[in-house]
N, C-alpha and C. Protein backbone atom coordinates (compact mmCIF):
# COMPACT_ATOMS: atom_id res chain seq x y z
N MET A 1 88.77 70.50 5.07
CA MET A 1 89.22 69.15 5.40
C MET A 1 89.93 69.12 6.77
N PHE A 2 90.76 70.14 7.02
CA PHE A 2 91.48 70.18 8.30
C PHE A 2 90.50 70.21 9.47
N PHE A 3 89.45 71.03 9.34
CA PHE A 3 88.49 71.13 10.44
C PHE A 3 87.87 69.77 10.74
N TYR A 4 87.46 69.04 9.70
CA TYR A 4 86.86 67.71 9.93
C TYR A 4 87.83 66.79 10.66
N SER A 5 89.06 66.74 10.19
CA SER A 5 90.06 65.87 10.83
C SER A 5 90.30 66.29 12.27
N PHE A 6 90.43 67.56 12.49
CA PHE A 6 90.66 68.09 13.83
C PHE A 6 89.48 67.78 14.73
N PHE A 7 88.28 68.00 14.22
CA PHE A 7 87.05 67.77 14.97
C PHE A 7 86.95 66.30 15.37
N VAL A 8 87.21 65.40 14.44
CA VAL A 8 87.17 63.96 14.74
C VAL A 8 88.24 63.62 15.77
N PHE A 9 89.43 64.21 15.63
CA PHE A 9 90.51 63.95 16.59
C PHE A 9 90.09 64.30 18.01
N ILE A 10 89.52 65.50 18.22
CA ILE A 10 89.20 65.89 19.59
C ILE A 10 88.02 65.09 20.15
N ILE A 11 87.11 64.68 19.29
CA ILE A 11 86.01 63.82 19.77
C ILE A 11 86.55 62.45 20.15
N LEU A 12 87.41 61.88 19.31
CA LEU A 12 88.01 60.57 19.64
C LEU A 12 88.85 60.67 20.91
N GLN A 13 89.54 61.77 21.08
CA GLN A 13 90.32 61.98 22.30
C GLN A 13 89.42 61.95 23.52
N ARG A 14 88.29 62.65 23.45
CA ARG A 14 87.35 62.66 24.58
C ARG A 14 86.77 61.27 24.85
N LEU A 15 86.46 60.53 23.80
CA LEU A 15 85.93 59.18 23.98
C LEU A 15 86.97 58.27 24.63
N CYS A 16 88.23 58.39 24.22
CA CYS A 16 89.30 57.62 24.86
C CYS A 16 89.42 58.00 26.33
N GLU A 17 89.29 59.27 26.63
CA GLU A 17 89.36 59.71 28.03
C GLU A 17 88.22 59.12 28.85
N LEU A 18 87.04 59.02 28.26
CA LEU A 18 85.91 58.42 28.98
C LEU A 18 86.16 56.95 29.27
N VAL A 19 86.79 56.25 28.33
CA VAL A 19 87.14 54.84 28.55
C VAL A 19 88.15 54.73 29.68
N ILE A 20 89.17 55.57 29.66
CA ILE A 20 90.18 55.57 30.73
C ILE A 20 89.52 55.89 32.07
N ALA A 21 88.64 56.88 32.08
CA ALA A 21 87.96 57.28 33.32
C ALA A 21 87.11 56.13 33.87
N LYS A 22 86.41 55.43 33.00
CA LYS A 22 85.56 54.32 33.43
C LYS A 22 86.42 53.21 34.04
N ARG A 23 87.53 52.91 33.39
CA ARG A 23 88.45 51.89 33.90
C ARG A 23 89.03 52.31 35.25
N ASN A 24 89.45 53.56 35.36
CA ASN A 24 90.00 54.06 36.62
C ASN A 24 88.94 54.08 37.72
N GLU A 25 87.72 54.44 37.37
CA GLU A 25 86.63 54.45 38.35
C GLU A 25 86.41 53.05 38.92
N ALA A 26 86.38 52.05 38.05
CA ALA A 26 86.19 50.66 38.51
C ALA A 26 87.32 50.25 39.45
N TRP A 27 88.56 50.57 39.08
CA TRP A 27 89.70 50.22 39.93
C TRP A 27 89.61 50.91 41.28
N MET A 28 89.31 52.21 41.27
CA MET A 28 89.25 52.96 42.53
C MET A 28 88.12 52.47 43.42
N LYS A 29 86.98 52.15 42.84
CA LYS A 29 85.86 51.67 43.65
C LYS A 29 86.17 50.31 44.27
N LYS A 30 86.97 49.49 43.58
CA LYS A 30 87.41 48.22 44.17
C LYS A 30 88.31 48.46 45.37
N GLN A 31 88.98 49.63 45.39
CA GLN A 31 89.86 49.98 46.51
C GLN A 31 89.08 50.64 47.65
N GLY A 32 87.78 50.88 47.43
CA GLY A 32 86.96 51.51 48.47
C GLY A 32 86.56 52.94 48.20
N ALA A 33 86.81 53.43 46.99
CA ALA A 33 86.47 54.81 46.64
C ALA A 33 84.97 54.97 46.41
N TYR A 34 84.54 56.21 46.42
CA TYR A 34 83.14 56.53 46.14
C TYR A 34 83.09 57.81 45.29
N GLU A 35 81.94 58.02 44.66
CA GLU A 35 81.76 59.22 43.85
C GLU A 35 81.13 60.32 44.69
N ALA A 36 81.69 61.51 44.59
CA ALA A 36 81.14 62.69 45.28
C ALA A 36 80.60 63.65 44.23
N GLY A 37 79.62 64.44 44.62
CA GLY A 37 79.10 65.49 43.74
C GLY A 37 78.50 65.01 42.44
N GLN A 38 77.79 63.89 42.49
CA GLN A 38 77.25 63.29 41.27
C GLN A 38 76.28 64.19 40.51
N SER A 39 75.55 65.03 41.22
CA SER A 39 74.44 65.77 40.59
C SER A 39 74.89 66.74 39.48
N HIS A 40 76.10 67.24 39.54
CA HIS A 40 76.53 68.19 38.51
C HIS A 40 77.12 67.50 37.27
N TYR A 41 77.49 66.22 37.38
CA TYR A 41 78.24 65.55 36.32
C TYR A 41 77.49 65.55 34.99
N LYS A 42 76.19 65.26 35.04
CA LYS A 42 75.41 65.21 33.79
C LYS A 42 75.42 66.57 33.09
N TRP A 43 75.46 67.65 33.87
CA TRP A 43 75.50 68.99 33.28
C TRP A 43 76.86 69.27 32.64
N MET A 44 77.91 68.76 33.27
CA MET A 44 79.25 68.93 32.70
C MET A 44 79.37 68.18 31.38
N VAL A 45 78.90 66.94 31.36
CA VAL A 45 78.95 66.14 30.13
C VAL A 45 78.10 66.80 29.05
N SER A 46 76.92 67.25 29.42
CA SER A 46 76.04 67.93 28.46
C SER A 46 76.69 69.19 27.90
N MET A 47 77.38 69.93 28.75
CA MET A 47 78.04 71.14 28.30
C MET A 47 79.12 70.82 27.26
N HIS A 48 79.90 69.76 27.51
CA HIS A 48 80.95 69.40 26.56
C HIS A 48 80.37 68.89 25.25
N ALA A 49 79.30 68.11 25.31
CA ALA A 49 78.65 67.63 24.09
C ALA A 49 78.08 68.82 23.30
N ALA A 50 77.46 69.74 24.00
CA ALA A 50 76.90 70.93 23.35
C ALA A 50 78.00 71.80 22.75
N PHE A 51 79.16 71.83 23.39
CA PHE A 51 80.30 72.59 22.85
C PHE A 51 80.66 72.08 21.46
N PHE A 52 80.76 70.76 21.31
CA PHE A 52 81.12 70.20 20.01
C PHE A 52 80.04 70.48 18.97
N ALA A 53 78.78 70.36 19.37
CA ALA A 53 77.68 70.65 18.44
C ALA A 53 77.70 72.12 18.03
N ALA A 54 77.93 73.01 18.99
CA ALA A 54 77.97 74.44 18.69
C ALA A 54 79.16 74.79 17.80
N LEU A 55 80.31 74.19 18.10
CA LEU A 55 81.50 74.45 17.29
C LEU A 55 81.27 74.04 15.85
N PHE A 56 80.76 72.83 15.65
CA PHE A 56 80.51 72.35 14.29
C PHE A 56 79.49 73.25 13.59
N THR A 57 78.43 73.59 14.30
CA THR A 57 77.38 74.43 13.72
C THR A 57 77.91 75.80 13.34
N GLU A 58 78.68 76.40 14.23
CA GLU A 58 79.18 77.74 13.94
C GLU A 58 80.18 77.74 12.79
N VAL A 59 81.07 76.75 12.76
CA VAL A 59 82.09 76.72 11.71
C VAL A 59 81.48 76.34 10.37
N TYR A 60 80.63 75.31 10.34
CA TYR A 60 80.15 74.83 9.04
C TYR A 60 78.81 75.36 8.60
N VAL A 61 77.96 75.74 9.51
CA VAL A 61 76.65 76.26 9.10
C VAL A 61 76.67 77.78 9.05
N LEU A 62 77.06 78.41 10.13
CA LEU A 62 77.03 79.87 10.18
C LEU A 62 78.17 80.52 9.39
N ASN A 63 79.35 79.90 9.41
CA ASN A 63 80.51 80.49 8.73
C ASN A 63 80.82 79.80 7.40
N ASP A 64 79.95 78.92 6.94
CA ASP A 64 80.13 78.19 5.67
C ASP A 64 81.47 77.46 5.58
N GLY A 65 81.99 77.04 6.71
CA GLY A 65 83.25 76.30 6.71
C GLY A 65 84.47 77.16 6.45
N MET A 66 84.29 78.46 6.46
CA MET A 66 85.39 79.37 6.17
C MET A 66 86.10 79.76 7.47
N TYR A 67 87.40 79.65 7.48
CA TYR A 67 88.20 80.09 8.61
C TYR A 67 89.62 80.30 8.12
N HIS A 68 90.38 81.06 8.87
CA HIS A 68 91.78 81.31 8.53
C HIS A 68 92.63 80.53 9.51
N PHE A 69 93.44 79.63 8.99
CA PHE A 69 94.28 78.79 9.85
C PHE A 69 95.35 79.65 10.51
N SER A 70 95.55 79.42 11.80
CA SER A 70 96.59 80.12 12.55
C SER A 70 97.56 79.09 13.11
N PHE A 71 98.77 79.11 12.60
CA PHE A 71 99.78 78.19 13.10
C PHE A 71 100.08 78.47 14.57
N LEU A 72 100.04 79.74 14.96
CA LEU A 72 100.31 80.11 16.35
C LEU A 72 99.27 79.49 17.29
N LEU A 73 97.98 79.63 16.97
CA LEU A 73 96.94 79.04 17.81
C LEU A 73 97.03 77.52 17.83
N PHE A 74 97.33 76.94 16.67
CA PHE A 74 97.48 75.48 16.62
C PHE A 74 98.66 75.04 17.48
N SER A 75 99.74 75.81 17.49
CA SER A 75 100.90 75.49 18.33
C SER A 75 100.54 75.54 19.81
N PHE A 76 99.77 76.56 20.19
CA PHE A 76 99.30 76.63 21.58
C PHE A 76 98.42 75.44 21.92
N PHE A 77 97.55 75.06 20.98
CA PHE A 77 96.69 73.89 21.19
C PHE A 77 97.55 72.64 21.41
N ALA A 78 98.60 72.47 20.60
CA ALA A 78 99.48 71.30 20.74
C ALA A 78 100.16 71.30 22.11
N LEU A 79 100.59 72.46 22.58
CA LEU A 79 101.20 72.55 23.92
C LEU A 79 100.19 72.20 25.00
N VAL A 80 98.96 72.64 24.83
CA VAL A 80 97.90 72.32 25.79
C VAL A 80 97.65 70.81 25.81
N GLN A 81 97.76 70.17 24.65
CA GLN A 81 97.58 68.71 24.61
C GLN A 81 98.69 68.00 25.37
N LEU A 82 99.89 68.51 25.26
CA LEU A 82 101.00 67.93 26.04
C LEU A 82 100.74 68.10 27.53
N ALA A 83 100.21 69.26 27.92
CA ALA A 83 99.87 69.49 29.33
C ALA A 83 98.75 68.54 29.77
N ARG A 84 97.79 68.28 28.90
CA ARG A 84 96.70 67.33 29.20
C ARG A 84 97.27 65.94 29.47
N ILE A 85 98.14 65.48 28.60
CA ILE A 85 98.75 64.16 28.76
C ILE A 85 99.56 64.11 30.04
N TRP A 86 100.29 65.16 30.33
CA TRP A 86 101.10 65.25 31.55
C TRP A 86 100.21 65.16 32.78
N ALA A 87 99.11 65.91 32.79
CA ALA A 87 98.20 65.91 33.95
C ALA A 87 97.55 64.54 34.14
N ILE A 88 97.04 63.96 33.07
CA ILE A 88 96.35 62.67 33.17
C ILE A 88 97.33 61.57 33.56
N SER A 89 98.48 61.53 32.91
CA SER A 89 99.45 60.46 33.23
C SER A 89 100.04 60.63 34.63
N SER A 90 100.13 61.85 35.11
CA SER A 90 100.65 62.07 36.47
C SER A 90 99.73 61.49 37.52
N LEU A 91 98.42 61.61 37.32
CA LEU A 91 97.47 61.04 38.27
C LEU A 91 97.31 59.54 38.09
N GLY A 92 97.63 59.03 36.92
CA GLY A 92 97.52 57.58 36.69
C GLY A 92 96.11 57.08 36.95
N LYS A 93 95.99 56.03 37.75
CA LYS A 93 94.68 55.42 38.03
C LYS A 93 93.77 56.31 38.86
N TYR A 94 94.29 57.40 39.38
CA TYR A 94 93.47 58.32 40.17
C TYR A 94 92.79 59.39 39.31
N TRP A 95 93.16 59.48 38.03
CA TRP A 95 92.54 60.48 37.16
C TRP A 95 91.13 60.04 36.79
N ASN A 96 90.22 61.00 36.74
CA ASN A 96 88.85 60.69 36.35
C ASN A 96 88.12 61.94 35.91
N THR A 97 87.07 61.73 35.12
CA THR A 97 86.20 62.84 34.75
C THR A 97 85.17 63.09 35.84
N LYS A 98 84.97 62.12 36.70
CA LYS A 98 84.06 62.25 37.84
C LYS A 98 84.90 62.59 39.08
N ILE A 99 84.21 62.96 40.14
CA ILE A 99 84.91 63.19 41.42
C ILE A 99 84.86 61.86 42.17
N ILE A 100 85.93 61.09 42.04
CA ILE A 100 86.04 59.78 42.70
C ILE A 100 87.08 59.94 43.81
N VAL A 101 86.67 59.66 45.03
CA VAL A 101 87.52 59.90 46.20
C VAL A 101 87.81 58.59 46.90
N LEU A 102 89.08 58.33 47.14
CA LEU A 102 89.52 57.15 47.88
C LEU A 102 89.93 57.60 49.28
N PRO A 103 89.11 57.26 50.30
CA PRO A 103 89.43 57.69 51.66
C PRO A 103 90.84 57.25 52.09
N ASN A 104 91.52 58.16 52.75
CA ASN A 104 92.86 57.95 53.31
C ASN A 104 93.97 57.80 52.27
N ALA A 105 93.66 58.05 51.01
CA ALA A 105 94.70 58.00 49.98
C ALA A 105 95.60 59.23 50.12
N LYS A 106 96.83 59.08 49.72
CA LYS A 106 97.76 60.21 49.69
C LYS A 106 97.56 60.94 48.35
N VAL A 107 97.44 62.23 48.40
CA VAL A 107 97.25 63.04 47.20
C VAL A 107 98.49 62.94 46.32
N VAL A 108 98.26 62.81 45.02
CA VAL A 108 99.35 62.72 44.05
C VAL A 108 100.01 64.09 43.91
N LEU A 109 101.32 64.11 44.06
CA LEU A 109 102.08 65.35 43.93
C LEU A 109 103.15 65.22 42.85
N ARG A 110 102.80 64.54 41.77
CA ARG A 110 103.71 64.40 40.63
C ARG A 110 103.27 65.34 39.51
N GLY A 111 104.15 65.50 38.54
CA GLY A 111 103.81 66.27 37.35
C GLY A 111 103.35 67.67 37.70
N PRO A 112 102.33 68.16 37.00
CA PRO A 112 101.88 69.54 37.23
C PRO A 112 101.22 69.73 38.59
N TYR A 113 100.85 68.63 39.24
CA TYR A 113 100.22 68.73 40.57
C TYR A 113 101.22 69.17 41.64
N ARG A 114 102.50 69.16 41.32
CA ARG A 114 103.50 69.73 42.22
C ARG A 114 103.36 71.24 42.31
N PHE A 115 102.77 71.83 41.27
CA PHE A 115 102.74 73.28 41.14
C PHE A 115 101.35 73.91 41.32
N MET A 116 100.30 73.14 41.03
CA MET A 116 98.94 73.70 41.11
C MET A 116 97.93 72.61 41.42
N LYS A 117 96.77 73.04 41.87
CA LYS A 117 95.73 72.09 42.28
C LYS A 117 94.99 71.46 41.12
N HIS A 118 94.70 72.22 40.08
CA HIS A 118 93.80 71.74 39.03
C HIS A 118 94.35 71.97 37.62
N PRO A 119 95.47 71.37 37.27
CA PRO A 119 96.00 71.59 35.92
C PRO A 119 95.08 71.10 34.81
N ASN A 120 94.32 70.04 35.06
CA ASN A 120 93.44 69.52 34.02
C ASN A 120 92.32 70.52 33.71
N TYR A 121 91.82 71.21 34.73
CA TYR A 121 90.78 72.22 34.49
C TYR A 121 91.36 73.41 33.73
N THR A 122 92.62 73.72 33.98
CA THR A 122 93.30 74.78 33.23
C THR A 122 93.40 74.39 31.77
N VAL A 123 93.73 73.13 31.51
CA VAL A 123 93.82 72.61 30.14
C VAL A 123 92.47 72.72 29.44
N VAL A 124 91.42 72.26 30.10
CA VAL A 124 90.08 72.29 29.49
C VAL A 124 89.66 73.73 29.21
N ALA A 125 89.89 74.63 30.16
CA ALA A 125 89.54 76.04 29.95
C ALA A 125 90.31 76.62 28.76
N ALA A 126 91.59 76.28 28.66
CA ALA A 126 92.40 76.75 27.54
C ALA A 126 91.87 76.21 26.21
N GLU A 127 91.48 74.94 26.19
CA GLU A 127 90.92 74.35 24.97
C GLU A 127 89.61 75.02 24.57
N LEU A 128 88.77 75.33 25.56
CA LEU A 128 87.49 75.96 25.25
C LEU A 128 87.66 77.38 24.71
N VAL A 129 88.85 77.93 24.86
CA VAL A 129 89.18 79.21 24.25
C VAL A 129 89.90 78.99 22.92
N LEU A 130 90.93 78.16 22.93
CA LEU A 130 91.77 77.98 21.74
C LEU A 130 91.04 77.36 20.55
N VAL A 131 90.27 76.31 20.80
CA VAL A 131 89.63 75.61 19.68
C VAL A 131 88.67 76.54 18.93
N PRO A 132 87.76 77.23 19.61
CA PRO A 132 86.91 78.16 18.85
C PRO A 132 87.71 79.29 18.18
N LEU A 133 88.76 79.79 18.85
CA LEU A 133 89.58 80.83 18.23
C LEU A 133 90.24 80.33 16.95
N MET A 134 90.69 79.08 16.95
CA MET A 134 91.34 78.51 15.77
C MET A 134 90.44 78.57 14.54
N PHE A 135 89.13 78.47 14.77
CA PHE A 135 88.18 78.41 13.65
C PHE A 135 87.24 79.62 13.63
N GLN A 136 87.61 80.68 14.33
CA GLN A 136 86.84 81.91 14.40
C GLN A 136 85.38 81.66 14.79
N ALA A 137 85.17 80.76 15.73
CA ALA A 137 83.83 80.45 16.26
C ALA A 137 83.64 81.26 17.54
N TYR A 138 83.42 82.54 17.38
CA TYR A 138 83.42 83.46 18.52
C TYR A 138 82.21 83.30 19.43
N TRP A 139 81.06 82.94 18.88
CA TRP A 139 79.89 82.68 19.73
C TRP A 139 80.14 81.47 20.62
N THR A 140 80.69 80.43 20.03
CA THR A 140 81.01 79.22 20.80
C THR A 140 82.01 79.55 21.90
N LEU A 141 83.01 80.33 21.58
CA LEU A 141 84.01 80.76 22.56
C LEU A 141 83.35 81.48 23.73
N ALA A 142 82.54 82.47 23.44
CA ALA A 142 81.93 83.28 24.50
C ALA A 142 80.97 82.46 25.36
N ILE A 143 80.09 81.74 24.72
CA ILE A 143 79.05 81.00 25.45
C ILE A 143 79.65 79.90 26.32
N PHE A 144 80.56 79.11 25.75
CA PHE A 144 81.05 77.95 26.49
C PHE A 144 82.15 78.29 27.48
N SER A 145 82.80 79.41 27.31
CA SER A 145 83.71 79.87 28.36
C SER A 145 82.92 80.21 29.62
N VAL A 146 81.77 80.86 29.43
CA VAL A 146 80.91 81.19 30.57
C VAL A 146 80.32 79.92 31.19
N PHE A 147 79.82 79.02 30.34
CA PHE A 147 79.26 77.75 30.85
C PHE A 147 80.31 76.99 31.65
N ASN A 148 81.54 76.94 31.14
CA ASN A 148 82.59 76.22 31.85
C ASN A 148 82.88 76.85 33.21
N LEU A 149 82.92 78.17 33.26
CA LEU A 149 83.12 78.85 34.55
C LEU A 149 82.01 78.50 35.53
N CYS A 150 80.79 78.42 35.05
CA CYS A 150 79.65 78.06 35.92
C CYS A 150 79.80 76.63 36.44
N ILE A 151 80.16 75.71 35.55
CA ILE A 151 80.36 74.31 35.95
C ILE A 151 81.48 74.22 36.98
N LEU A 152 82.60 74.87 36.71
CA LEU A 152 83.74 74.80 37.63
C LEU A 152 83.43 75.47 38.97
N ALA A 153 82.59 76.49 38.96
CA ALA A 153 82.21 77.15 40.21
C ALA A 153 81.45 76.20 41.13
N VAL A 154 80.79 75.21 40.55
CA VAL A 154 80.10 74.18 41.33
C VAL A 154 81.04 73.02 41.63
N ARG A 155 81.73 72.56 40.60
CA ARG A 155 82.52 71.33 40.71
C ARG A 155 83.74 71.45 41.63
N ILE A 156 84.50 72.51 41.48
CA ILE A 156 85.75 72.61 42.23
C ILE A 156 85.53 72.63 43.75
N PRO A 157 84.59 73.42 44.27
CA PRO A 157 84.37 73.35 45.72
C PRO A 157 83.93 71.96 46.19
N LEU A 158 83.10 71.27 45.39
CA LEU A 158 82.69 69.91 45.75
C LEU A 158 83.90 68.97 45.80
N GLU A 159 84.73 69.06 44.77
CA GLU A 159 85.92 68.20 44.69
C GLU A 159 86.89 68.50 45.82
N GLU A 160 87.17 69.76 46.04
CA GLU A 160 88.13 70.13 47.09
C GLU A 160 87.62 69.75 48.48
N GLN A 161 86.33 69.92 48.71
CA GLN A 161 85.76 69.55 50.02
C GLN A 161 85.85 68.04 50.23
N ALA A 162 85.48 67.26 49.22
CA ALA A 162 85.53 65.80 49.34
C ALA A 162 86.97 65.33 49.57
N LEU A 163 87.91 65.88 48.81
CA LEU A 163 89.31 65.49 48.98
C LEU A 163 89.86 65.93 50.34
N THR A 164 89.48 67.11 50.78
CA THR A 164 89.93 67.60 52.10
C THR A 164 89.39 66.72 53.22
N ASN A 165 88.13 66.31 53.10
CA ASN A 165 87.51 65.47 54.13
C ASN A 165 88.11 64.07 54.20
N GLU A 166 88.55 63.54 53.06
CA GLU A 166 88.93 62.12 53.00
C GLU A 166 90.42 61.85 52.81
N THR A 167 91.19 62.87 52.46
CA THR A 167 92.62 62.65 52.17
C THR A 167 93.45 63.76 52.83
N ASN A 168 94.72 63.79 52.48
CA ASN A 168 95.62 64.84 52.97
C ASN A 168 95.65 66.06 52.05
N TYR A 169 94.64 66.21 51.21
CA TYR A 169 94.55 67.28 50.22
C TYR A 169 94.71 68.67 50.84
N GLY A 170 93.95 68.96 51.87
CA GLY A 170 93.99 70.29 52.49
C GLY A 170 95.39 70.66 52.97
N GLU A 171 96.07 69.69 53.51
CA GLU A 171 97.42 69.92 54.04
C GLU A 171 98.44 70.15 52.92
N VAL A 172 98.44 69.28 51.92
CA VAL A 172 99.50 69.34 50.91
C VAL A 172 99.22 70.35 49.80
N MET A 173 97.97 70.73 49.60
CA MET A 173 97.64 71.64 48.51
C MET A 173 97.38 73.08 48.96
N GLN A 174 97.44 73.34 50.26
CA GLN A 174 97.05 74.66 50.76
C GLN A 174 97.87 75.81 50.20
N ASN A 175 99.11 75.57 49.81
CA ASN A 175 99.96 76.65 49.30
C ASN A 175 100.07 76.68 47.78
N ARG A 176 99.22 75.93 47.09
CA ARG A 176 99.26 75.90 45.63
C ARG A 176 98.07 76.67 45.05
N GLY A 177 98.31 77.31 43.92
CA GLY A 177 97.22 77.99 43.22
C GLY A 177 96.30 76.97 42.56
N ARG A 178 95.07 77.35 42.33
CA ARG A 178 94.12 76.43 41.71
C ARG A 178 94.47 76.14 40.26
N PHE A 179 94.69 77.20 39.48
CA PHE A 179 94.83 77.04 38.03
C PHE A 179 96.19 77.41 37.48
N PHE A 180 97.00 78.05 38.29
CA PHE A 180 98.31 78.49 37.82
C PHE A 180 99.36 78.14 38.86
N PRO A 181 100.59 77.93 38.43
CA PRO A 181 101.65 77.56 39.39
C PRO A 181 102.07 78.75 40.25
N VAL A 182 101.27 79.00 41.27
CA VAL A 182 101.53 80.11 42.20
C VAL A 182 101.74 79.52 43.58
N LYS A 183 102.80 79.91 44.22
CA LYS A 183 103.07 79.47 45.59
C LYS A 183 102.51 80.51 46.54
N LYS A 184 101.52 80.11 47.34
CA LYS A 184 100.94 81.02 48.33
C LYS A 184 101.75 80.94 49.62
N SER A 185 101.86 82.07 50.33
CA SER A 185 102.60 82.03 51.59
C SER A 185 101.68 82.11 52.77
């Protein structure tokens, strides 16, 4: 029963994020923004949809719904959710699942963005590890961790290049780590 509730929760969370992203995209485009790197987006969405299908299949079909609950892993997941909310709310109307760039905008330096370039990608990567671990879905963990790395290897350079070309991103983010709060000298 817990798995079903948890599974529905994370799917509803993603659907809410898509609604927020669509609303933010419309607002940004009214301000003169445009989408960069469109060609990879369908693959990213497909990867996330496939992740949920694989997770469900591995937990309920391959493992007969059997798993050992770990309060420790669930606690880490809850902390990651707080980080997700912090990252999304810090960007406000600038947050999106797509690469939406507003020329001449000042880069947001609130919340976790004071410390690193891509806290939301760190959150997603952590979830793609924690969620399968919580339910002993090791195939899902291995496969989708690799898929996510492949997607990010394409997406992050596109995003950083677009932001560097159109905003003050290169200047203000040059000394921040991509995924961890590291100050570069």
